[in-house]
Amino acid sequence: MRPCPALPCIFLADTALGEAQVFDYCGRLRRSRAGEQSPPIIVLTEHPEPLLVKAREAGVNLLLSKPHKPYDLLHAVQDLVVRRKSGGIAAP
């Protein structure tokens, strides 16, 4: 994976796209930006508990359970973006 010159302020993925692919991409994103600030990662999933270890290993900041209220997602995004801008968040 080539480094992206302009990173988004957040990366959002859904395990409905395929758990293995989502966590593989998240891990590659973290490794490609090692030593640099990379975007916070939120992964949406129906069953977060069995995925906690995979998520941690891939550098995911937050697993958000589905279904969720739109406000929950908005609040999580705002919180992570603010913490990142203030320097209070790093890759796990």
C-alpha atoms as a PDB file:
ATOM      1  CA  MET A   1       0.000   0.000   0.000  1.00  0.00           C
ATOM      2  CA  ARG A   2       1.388   3.382  -0.974  1.00  0.00           C
ATOM      3  CA  PRO A   3       1.166   6.203   1.553  1.00  0.00           C
ATOM      4  CA  CYS A   4      -1.674   8.592   0.888  1.00  0.00           C
ATOM      5  CA  PRO A   5      -0.455  12.181   0.553  1.00  0.00           C
ATOM      6  CA  ALA A   6      -3.584  13.658   2.131  1.00  0.00           C
ATOM      7  CA  LEU A   7      -5.203  11.660   4.897  1.00  0.00           C
ATOM      8  CA  PRO A   8      -8.827  11.993   5.889  1.00  0.00           C
ATOM      9  CA  CYS A   9      -9.504  13.272   9.401  1.00  0.00           C
ATOM     10  CA  ILE A  10     -11.241   9.955  10.209  1.00  0.00           C
ATOM     11  CA  PHE A  11     -11.574   6.476   8.710  1.00  0.00           C
ATOM     12  CA  LEU A  12     -14.950   4.730   9.012  1.00  0.00           C
ATOM     13  CA  ALA A  13     -15.515   1.115   7.970  1.00  0.00           C
ATOM     14  CA  ASP A  14     -18.229  -1.507   8.373  1.00  0.00           C
ATOM     15  CA  THR A  15     -17.571  -5.210   8.918  1.00  0.00           C
ATOM     16  CA  ALA A  16     -20.462  -5.891   6.521  1.00  0.00           C
ATOM     17  CA  LEU A  17     -17.797  -5.292   3.849  1.00  0.00           C
ATOM     18  CA  GLY A  18     -15.947  -8.317   5.228  1.00  0.00           C
ATOM     19  CA  GLU A  19     -14.261  -8.553   8.613  1.00  0.00           C
ATOM     20  CA  ALA A  20     -10.941  -9.790   7.295  1.00  0.00           C
ATOM     21  CA  GLN A  21     -10.728  -7.083   4.638  1.00  0.00           C
ATOM     22  CA  VAL A  22     -11.698  -4.286   7.042  1.00  0.00           C
ATOM     23  CA  PHE A  23      -9.172  -5.245   9.716  1.00  0.00           C
ATOM     24  CA  ASP A  24      -6.466  -5.924   7.129  1.00  0.00           C
ATOM     25  CA  TYR A  25      -6.944  -2.464   5.644  1.00  0.00           C
ATOM     26  CA  CYS A  26      -6.980  -0.814   9.080  1.00  0.00           C
ATOM     27  CA  GLY A  27      -3.731  -2.561   9.997  1.00  0.00           C
ATOM     28  CA  ARG A  28      -2.098  -1.562   6.711  1.00  0.00           C
ATOM     29  CA  LEU A  29      -3.216   2.030   7.200  1.00  0.00           C
ATOM     30  CA  ARG A  30      -1.620   2.130  10.667  1.00  0.00           C
ATOM     31  CA  ARG A  31       1.611   0.449   9.518  1.00  0.00           C
ATOM     32  CA  SER A  32       1.958   2.707   6.476  1.00  0.00           C
ATOM     33  CA  ARG A  33       1.793   5.774   8.711  1.00  0.00           C
ATOM     34  CA  ALA A  34       4.068   4.441  11.478  1.00  0.00           C
ATOM     35  CA  GLY A  35       5.614   7.320  13.367  1.00  0.00           C
ATOM     36  CA  GLU A  36       3.173   9.767  11.785  1.00  0.00           C
ATOM     37  CA  GLN A  37      -0.255  10.897  12.799  1.00  0.00           C
ATOM     38  CA  SER A  38      -2.824   8.662  11.146  1.00  0.00           C
ATOM     39  CA  PRO A  39      -6.586   9.155  11.230  1.00  0.00           C
ATOM     40  CA  PRO A  40      -8.708   7.721  14.013  1.00  0.00           C
ATOM     41  CA  ILE A  41     -10.481   4.545  12.903  1.00  0.00           C
ATOM     42  CA  ILE A  42     -14.082   3.619  13.723  1.00  0.00           C
ATOM     43  CA  VAL A  43     -15.441   0.216  12.719  1.00  0.00           C
ATOM     44  CA  LEU A  44     -19.169  -0.519  12.729  1.00  0.00           C
ATOM     45  CA  THR A  45     -20.208  -4.070  13.543  1.00  0.00           C
ATOM     46  CA  GLU A  46     -23.208  -6.059  14.711  1.00  0.00           C
ATOM     47  CA  HIS A  47     -21.175  -8.084  17.228  1.00  0.00           C
ATOM     48  CA  PRO A  48     -18.280  -6.068  18.706  1.00  0.00           C
ATOM     49  CA  GLU A  49     -17.282  -8.364  21.593  1.00  0.00           C
ATOM     50  CA  PRO A  50     -15.729 -11.202  19.537  1.00  0.00           C
ATOM     51  CA  LEU A  51     -13.795  -8.648  17.457  1.00  0.00           C
ATOM     52  CA  LEU A  52     -12.109  -6.702  20.263  1.00  0.00           C
ATOM     53  CA  VAL A  53      -8.717  -8.402  19.897  1.00  0.00           C
ATOM     54  CA  LYS A  54      -8.694  -8.139  16.085  1.00  0.00           C
ATOM     55  CA  ALA A  55      -9.682  -4.487  16.321  1.00  0.00           C
ATOM     56  CA  ARG A  56      -6.955  -3.675  18.844  1.00  0.00           C
ATOM     57  CA  GLU A  57      -4.315  -5.455  16.745  1.00  0.00           C
ATOM     58  CA  ALA A  58      -5.432  -3.532  13.636  1.00  0.00           C
ATOM     59  CA  GLY A  59      -5.222  -0.172  15.404  1.00  0.00           C
ATOM     60  CA  VAL A  60      -8.959   0.525  15.559  1.00  0.00           C
ATOM     61  CA  ASN A  61      -9.867   3.317  17.967  1.00  0.00           C
ATOM     62  CA  LEU A  62     -13.538   2.436  18.369  1.00  0.00           C
ATOM     63  CA  LEU A  63     -15.866  -0.475  17.591  1.00  0.00           C
ATOM     64  CA  LEU A  64     -19.399   0.855  17.370  1.00  0.00           C
ATOM     65  CA  SER A  65     -22.239  -1.621  17.728  1.00  0.00           C
ATOM     66  CA  LYS A  66     -25.021  -1.748  15.135  1.00  0.00           C
ATOM     67  CA  PRO A  67     -27.740  -0.794  15.181  1.00  0.00           C
ATOM     68  CA  HIS A  68     -26.919   2.568  16.650  1.00  0.00           C
ATOM     69  CA  LYS A  69     -28.541   5.943  16.702  1.00  0.00           C
ATOM     70  CA  PRO A  70     -27.133   8.423  14.167  1.00  0.00           C
ATOM     71  CA  TYR A  71     -26.285  10.742  17.063  1.00  0.00           C
ATOM     72  CA  ASP A  72     -24.039   8.050  18.599  1.00  0.00           C
ATOM     73  CA  LEU A  73     -21.969   7.884  15.428  1.00  0.00           C
ATOM     74  CA  LEU A  74     -21.830  11.667  15.068  1.00  0.00           C
ATOM     75  CA  HIS A  75     -20.749  12.061  18.699  1.00  0.00           C
ATOM     76  CA  ALA A  76     -18.019   9.401  18.304  1.00  0.00           C
ATOM     77  CA  VAL A  77     -16.675  11.051  15.136  1.00  0.00           C
ATOM     78  CA  GLN A  78     -16.663  14.517  16.711  1.00  0.00           C
ATOM     79  CA  ASP A  79     -14.956  13.241  19.860  1.00  0.00           C
ATOM     80  CA  LEU A  80     -12.180  11.436  17.974  1.00  0.00           C
ATOM     81  CA  VAL A  81     -11.568  14.339  15.577  1.00  0.00           C
ATOM     82  CA  VAL A  82     -11.352  16.853  18.435  1.00  0.00           C
ATOM     83  CA  ARG A  83      -9.033  14.579  20.438  1.00  0.00           C
ATOM     84  CA  ARG A  84      -6.828  14.044  17.370  1.00  0.00           C
ATOM     85  CA  LYS A  85      -6.543  17.778  16.649  1.00  0.00           C
ATOM     86  CA  SER A  86      -5.635  18.485  20.278  1.00  0.00           C
ATOM     87  CA  GLY A  87      -2.969  15.771  20.223  1.00  0.00           C
ATOM     88  CA  GLY A  88      -4.883  13.648  22.703  1.00  0.00           C
ATOM     89  CA  ILE A  89      -5.240  10.602  20.475  1.00  0.00           C
ATOM     90  CA  ALA A  90      -2.680   8.297  18.983  1.00  0.00           C
ATOM     91  CA  ALA A  91      -2.854   5.000  17.221  1.00  0.00           C
ATOM     92  CA  PRO A  92      -3.648   2.264  19.727  1.00  0.00           C
END
